[in-house]
C-alpha cells in the first residue's frame, strides 16, 4: 500500500511540475513577444532620436 501511495504521489508531483514548466514557457513566450513589439512601436524622443519604450 505504501509503495502505491509513493508512486501516486510521485506521479502527481511530476504532473504538477510539468504543468508549471509549460505555463512558464507560455508566459516567457508572451513576454518575449511584447518585448520584441516594443522595438517596433517605440516612439521618437526629443531631437528625432528614437527613445526607449520602457522606463527602467
PDB file of N, CA and C in Angstrom:
ATOM      1  N   UNK A   1       0.818  -1.201   0.000  1.00  0.00           N
ATOM      2  CA  UNK A   1       0.000   0.000   0.000  1.00  0.00           C
ATOM      3  C   UNK A   1       0.866   1.272   0.000  1.00  0.00           C
ATOM      4  N   UNK A   2       1.912   1.277   0.799  1.00  0.00           N
ATOM      5  CA  UNK A   2       2.786   2.451   0.870  1.00  0.00           C
ATOM      6  C   UNK A   2       3.502   2.695  -0.461  1.00  0.00           C
ATOM      7  N   UNK A   3       4.053   1.644  -1.133  1.00  0.00           N
ATOM      8  CA  UNK A   3       4.686   1.916  -2.431  1.00  0.00           C
ATOM      9  C   UNK A   3       3.702   2.482  -3.458  1.00  0.00           C
ATOM     10  N   UNK A   4       2.465   2.023  -3.436  1.00  0.00           N
ATOM     11  CA  UNK A   4       1.458   2.545  -4.359  1.00  0.00           C
ATOM     12  C   UNK A   4       1.201   4.026  -4.084  1.00  0.00           C
ATOM     13  N   UNK A   5       1.107   4.387  -2.815  1.00  0.00           N
ATOM     14  CA  UNK A   5       0.906   5.796  -2.468  1.00  0.00           C
ATOM     15  C   UNK A   5       2.115   6.645  -2.873  1.00  0.00           C
ATOM     16  N   UNK A   6       3.313   6.109  -2.711  1.00  0.00           N
ATOM     17  CA  UNK A   6       4.504   6.846  -3.123  1.00  0.00           C
ATOM     18  C   UNK A   6       4.548   7.049  -4.634  1.00  0.00           C
ATOM     19  N   UNK A   7       4.165   6.031  -5.380  1.00  0.00           N
ATOM     20  CA  UNK A   7       4.137   6.148  -6.839  1.00  0.00           C
ATOM     21  C   UNK A   7       3.088   7.166  -7.273  1.00  0.00           C
ATOM     22  N   UNK A   8       1.923   7.123  -6.652  1.00  0.00           N
ATOM     23  CA  UNK A   8       0.878   8.101  -6.986  1.00  0.00           C
ATOM     24  C   UNK A   8       1.304   9.518  -6.607  1.00  0.00           C
ATOM     25  N   UNK A   9       1.958   9.661  -5.467  1.00  0.00           N
ATOM     26  CA  UNK A   9       2.444  10.975  -5.061  1.00  0.00           C
ATOM     27  C   UNK A   9       3.514  11.481  -6.022  1.00  0.00           C
ATOM     28  N   UNK A  10       4.407  10.616  -6.449  1.00  0.00           N
ATOM     29  CA  UNK A  10       5.434  10.997  -7.408  1.00  0.00           C
ATOM     30  C   UNK A  10       4.817  11.397  -8.746  1.00  0.00           C
ATOM     31  N   UNK A  11       3.826  10.636  -9.201  1.00  0.00           N
ATOM     32  CA  UNK A  11       3.157  10.969 -10.458  1.00  0.00           C
ATOM     33  C   UNK A  11       2.454  12.328 -10.351  1.00  0.00           C
ATOM     34  N   UNK A  12       1.820  12.575  -9.225  1.00  0.00           N
ATOM     35  CA  UNK A  12       1.149  13.860  -9.020  1.00  0.00           C
ATOM     36  C   UNK A  12       2.163  14.999  -8.986  1.00  0.00           C
ATOM     37  N   UNK A  13       3.286  14.781  -8.329  1.00  0.00           N
ATOM     38  CA  UNK A  13       4.328  15.800  -8.258  1.00  0.00           C
ATOM     39  C   UNK A  13       4.910  16.097  -9.634  1.00  0.00           C
ATOM     40  N   UNK A  14       5.181  15.071 -10.417  1.00  0.00           N
ATOM     41  CA  UNK A  14       5.739  15.272 -11.756  1.00  0.00           C
ATOM     42  C   UNK A  14       4.730  15.936 -12.689  1.00  0.00           C
ATOM     43  N   UNK A  15       3.451  15.580 -12.554  1.00  0.00           N
ATOM     44  CA  UNK A  15       2.426  16.232 -13.370  1.00  0.00           C
ATOM     45  C   UNK A  15       2.342  17.712 -13.037  1.00  0.00           C
ATOM     46  N   UNK A  16       2.388  18.022 -11.745  1.00  0.00           N
ATOM     47  CA  UNK A  16       2.333  19.430 -11.327  1.00  0.00           C
ATOM     48  C   UNK A  16       3.537  20.212 -11.824  1.00  0.00           C
ATOM     49  N   UNK A  17       4.717  19.607 -11.747  1.00  0.00           N
ATOM     50  CA  UNK A  17       5.930  20.282 -12.223  1.00  0.00           C
ATOM     51  C   UNK A  17       5.870  20.474 -13.731  1.00  0.00           C
ATOM     52  N   UNK A  18       5.386  19.491 -14.440  1.00  0.00           N
ATOM     53  CA  UNK A  18       5.273  19.608 -15.897  1.00  0.00           C
ATOM     54  C   UNK A  18       4.305  20.703 -16.301  1.00  0.00           C
ATOM     55  N   UNK A  19       3.192  20.792 -15.592  1.00  0.00           N
ATOM     56  CA  UNK A  19       2.212  21.836 -15.894  1.00  0.00           C
ATOM     57  C   UNK A  19       2.797  23.212 -15.592  1.00  0.00           C
ATOM     58  N   UNK A  20       3.513  23.337 -14.470  1.00  0.00           N
ATOM     59  CA  UNK A  20       4.104  24.628 -14.104  1.00  0.00           C
ATOM     60  C   UNK A  20       5.158  25.037 -15.125  1.00  0.00           C
ATOM     61  N   UNK A  21       5.978  24.097 -15.585  1.00  0.00           N
ATOM     62  CA  UNK A  21       7.001  24.427 -16.574  1.00  0.00           C
ATOM     63  C   UNK A  21       6.379  24.846 -17.891  1.00  0.00           C
ATOM     64  N   UNK A  22       5.295  24.169 -18.285  1.00  0.00           N
ATOM     65  CA  UNK A  22       4.615  24.546 -19.528  1.00  0.00           C
ATOM     66  C   UNK A  22       4.024  25.952 -19.400  1.00  0.00           C
ATOM     67  N   UNK A  23       3.440  26.237 -18.259  1.00  0.00           N
ATOM     68  CA  UNK A  23       2.874  27.572 -18.036  1.00  0.00           C
ATOM     69  C   UNK A  23       3.973  28.635 -18.065  1.00  0.00           C
ATOM     70  N   UNK A  24       5.144  28.331 -17.488  1.00  0.00           N
ATOM     71  CA  UNK A  24       6.242  29.285 -17.510  1.00  0.00           C
ATOM     72  C   UNK A  24       6.754  29.519 -18.923  1.00  0.00           C
ATOM     73  N   UNK A  25       6.783  28.470 -19.752  1.00  0.00           N
ATOM     74  CA  UNK A  25       7.194  28.646 -21.150  1.00  0.00           C
ATOM     75  C   UNK A  25       6.221  29.552 -21.892  1.00  0.00           C
ATOM     76  N   UNK A  26       4.933  29.392 -21.612  1.00  0.00           N
ATOM     77  CA  UNK A  26       3.924  30.234 -22.273  1.00  0.00           C
ATOM     78  C   UNK A  26       4.087  31.688 -21.841  1.00  0.00           C
ATOM     79  N   UNK A  27       4.293  31.908 -20.543  1.00  0.00           N
ATOM     80  CA  UNK A  27       4.495  33.270 -20.040  1.00  0.00           C
ATOM     81  C   UNK A  27       5.757  33.879 -20.645  1.00  0.00           C
ATOM     82  N   UNK A  28       6.829  33.082 -20.739  1.00  0.00           N
ATOM     83  CA  UNK A  28       8.075  33.575 -21.321  1.00  0.00           C
ATOM     84  C   UNK A  28       7.890  33.953 -22.790  1.00  0.00           C
ATOM     85  N   UNK A  29       7.113  33.173 -23.531  1.00  0.00           N
ATOM     86  CA  UNK A  29       6.871  33.479 -24.939  1.00  0.00           C
ATOM     87  C   UNK A  29       6.064  34.771 -25.085  1.00  0.00           C
ATOM     88  N   UNK A  30       5.092  34.990 -24.206  1.00  0.00           N
ATOM     89  CA  UNK A  30       4.288  36.212 -24.257  1.00  0.00           C
ATOM     90  C   UNK A  30       5.148  37.432 -23.937  1.00  0.00           C
ATOM     91  N   UNK A  31       5.991  37.313 -22.905  1.00  0.00           N
ATOM     92  CA  UNK A  31       6.870  38.428 -22.543  1.00  0.00           C
ATOM     93  C   UNK A  31       7.854  38.731 -23.671  1.00  0.00           C
ATOM     94  N   UNK A  32       8.383  37.694 -24.308  1.00  0.00           N
ATOM     95  CA  UNK A  32       9.297  37.906 -25.421  1.00  0.00           C
ATOM     96  C   UNK A  32       8.601  38.613 -26.580  1.00  0.00           C
ATOM     97  N   UNK A  33       7.358  38.230 -26.873  1.00  0.00           N
ATOM     98  CA  UNK A  33       6.621  38.869 -27.959  1.00  0.00           C
ATOM     99  C   UNK A  33       6.368  40.351 -27.652  1.00  0.00           C
ATOM    100  N   UNK A  34       6.015  40.657 -26.402  1.00  0.00           N
ATOM    101  CA  UNK A  34       5.782  42.055 -26.021  1.00  0.00           C
ATOM    102  C   UNK A  34       7.077  42.848 -26.096  1.00  0.00           C
ATOM    103  N   UNK A  35       8.177  42.223 -25.664  1.00  0.00           N
ATOM    104  CA  UNK A  35       9.475  42.889 -25.707  1.00  0.00           C
ATOM    105  C   UNK A  35       9.897  43.191 -27.145  1.00  0.00           C
ATOM    106  N   UNK A  36       9.679  42.242 -28.046  1.00  0.00           N
ATOM    107  CA  UNK A  36      10.024  42.464 -29.449  1.00  0.00           C
ATOM    108  C   UNK A  36       9.113  43.503 -30.091  1.00  0.00           C
ATOM    109  N   UNK A  37       7.838  43.515 -29.724  1.00  0.00           N
ATOM    110  CA  UNK A  37       6.938  44.544 -30.247  1.00  0.00           C
ATOM    111  C   UNK A  37       7.349  45.931 -29.788  1.00  0.00           C
ATOM    112  N   UNK A  38       7.951  46.013 -28.614  1.00  0.00           N
ATOM    113  CA  UNK A  38       8.398  47.298 -28.103  1.00  0.00           C
ATOM    114  C   UNK A  38       9.431  47.950 -28.997  1.00  0.00           C
ATOM    115  N   UNK A  39      10.270  47.170 -29.652  1.00  0.00           N
ATOM    116  CA  UNK A  39      11.257  47.750 -30.552  1.00  0.00           C
ATOM    117  C   UNK A  39      10.598  48.319 -31.803  1.00  0.00           C
ATOM    118  N   UNK A  40       9.468  47.767 -32.184  1.00  0.00           N
ATOM    119  CA  UNK A  40       8.789  48.226 -33.390  1.00  0.00           C
ATOM    120  C   UNK A  40       7.977  49.485 -33.119  1.00  0.00           C
ATOM    121  N   UNK A  41       7.321  49.555 -31.981  1.00  0.00           N
ATOM    122  CA  UNK A  41       6.375  50.641 -31.730  1.00  0.00           C
ATOM    123  C   UNK A  41       6.943  51.752 -30.850  1.00  0.00           C
ATOM    124  N   UNK A  42       8.225  51.743 -30.589  1.00  0.00           N
ATOM    125  CA  UNK A  42       8.759  52.794 -29.727  1.00  0.00           C
ATOM    126  C   UNK A  42       8.653  54.155 -30.408  1.00  0.00           C
ATOM    127  N   UNK A  43       8.412  55.160 -29.597  1.00  0.00           N
ATOM    128  CA  UNK A  43       8.172  56.494 -30.153  1.00  0.00           C
ATOM    129  C   UNK A  43       9.476  57.266 -30.279  1.00  0.00           C
ATOM    130  N   UNK A  44       9.421  58.315 -31.078  1.00  0.00           N
ATOM    131  CA  UNK A  44      10.593  59.171 -31.256  1.00  0.00           C
ATOM    132  C   UNK A  44      10.698  60.129 -30.080  1.00  0.00           C
ATOM    133  N   UNK A  45      11.906  60.302 -29.595  1.00  0.00           N
ATOM    134  CA  UNK A  45      12.137  61.203 -28.470  1.00  0.00           C
ATOM    135  C   UNK A  45      12.492  62.598 -28.952  1.00  0.00           C
ATOM    136  N   UNK A  46      13.035  63.391 -28.050  1.00  0.00           N
ATOM    137  CA  UNK A  46      13.423  64.766 -28.389  1.00  0.00           C
ATOM    138  C   UNK A  46      14.592  64.735 -29.366  1.00  0.00           C
ATOM    139  N   UNK A  47      14.560  65.603 -30.349  1.00  0.00           N
ATOM    140  CA  UNK A  47      15.632  65.677 -31.327  1.00  0.00           C
ATOM    141  C   UNK A  47      15.545  64.621 -32.404  1.00  0.00           C
ATOM    142  N   UNK A  48      14.424  63.943 -32.496  1.00  0.00           N
ATOM    143  CA  UNK A  48      14.245  62.942 -33.537  1.00  0.00           C
ATOM    144  C   UNK A  48      14.860  61.593 -33.222  1.00  0.00           C
ATOM    145  N   UNK A  49      15.515  61.484 -32.065  1.00  0.00           N
ATOM    146  CA  UNK A  49      16.091  60.192 -31.698  1.00  0.00           C
ATOM    147  C   UNK A  49      14.992  59.265 -31.206  1.00  0.00           C
ATOM    148  N   UNK A  50      15.150  58.001 -31.510  1.00  0.00           N
ATOM    149  CA  UNK A  50      14.161  57.036 -31.033  1.00  0.00           C
ATOM    150  C   UNK A  50      14.482  56.682 -29.589  1.00  0.00           C
ATOM    151  N   UNK A  51      13.504  56.859 -28.720  1.00  0.00           N
ATOM    152  CA  UNK A  51      13.715  56.617 -27.297  1.00  0.00           C
ATOM    153  C   UNK A  51      13.345  55.199 -26.905  1.00  0.00           C
ATOM    154  N   UNK A  52      13.573  54.928 -25.666  1.00  0.00           N
ATOM    155  CA  UNK A  52      13.184  53.617 -25.138  1.00  0.00           C
ATOM    156  C   UNK A  52      11.698  53.612 -24.852  1.00  0.00           C
ATOM    157  N   UNK A  53      11.059  52.461 -25.046  1.00  0.00           N
ATOM    158  CA  UNK A  53       9.628  52.375 -24.765  1.00  0.00           C
ATOM    159  C   UNK A  53       9.374  51.936 -23.341  1.00  0.00           C
ATOM    160  N   UNK A  54      10.420  51.508 -22.662  1.00  0.00           N
ATOM    161  CA  UNK A  54      10.254  51.110 -21.260  1.00  0.00           C
ATOM    162  C   UNK A  54      10.908  52.155 -20.378  1.00  0.00           C
ATOM    163  N   UNK A  55      10.680  52.075 -19.076  1.00  0.00           N
ATOM    164  CA  UNK A  55      11.104  53.154 -18.186  1.00  0.00           C
ATOM    165  C   UNK A  55      12.206  52.750 -17.220  1.00  0.00           C
ATOM    166  N   UNK A  56      12.853  51.603 -17.357  1.00  0.00           N
ATOM    167  CA  UNK A  56      13.923  51.260 -16.428  1.00  0.00           C
ATOM    168  C   UNK A  56      15.263  51.590 -16.987  1.00  0.00           C
TER     169      UNK A  56
END
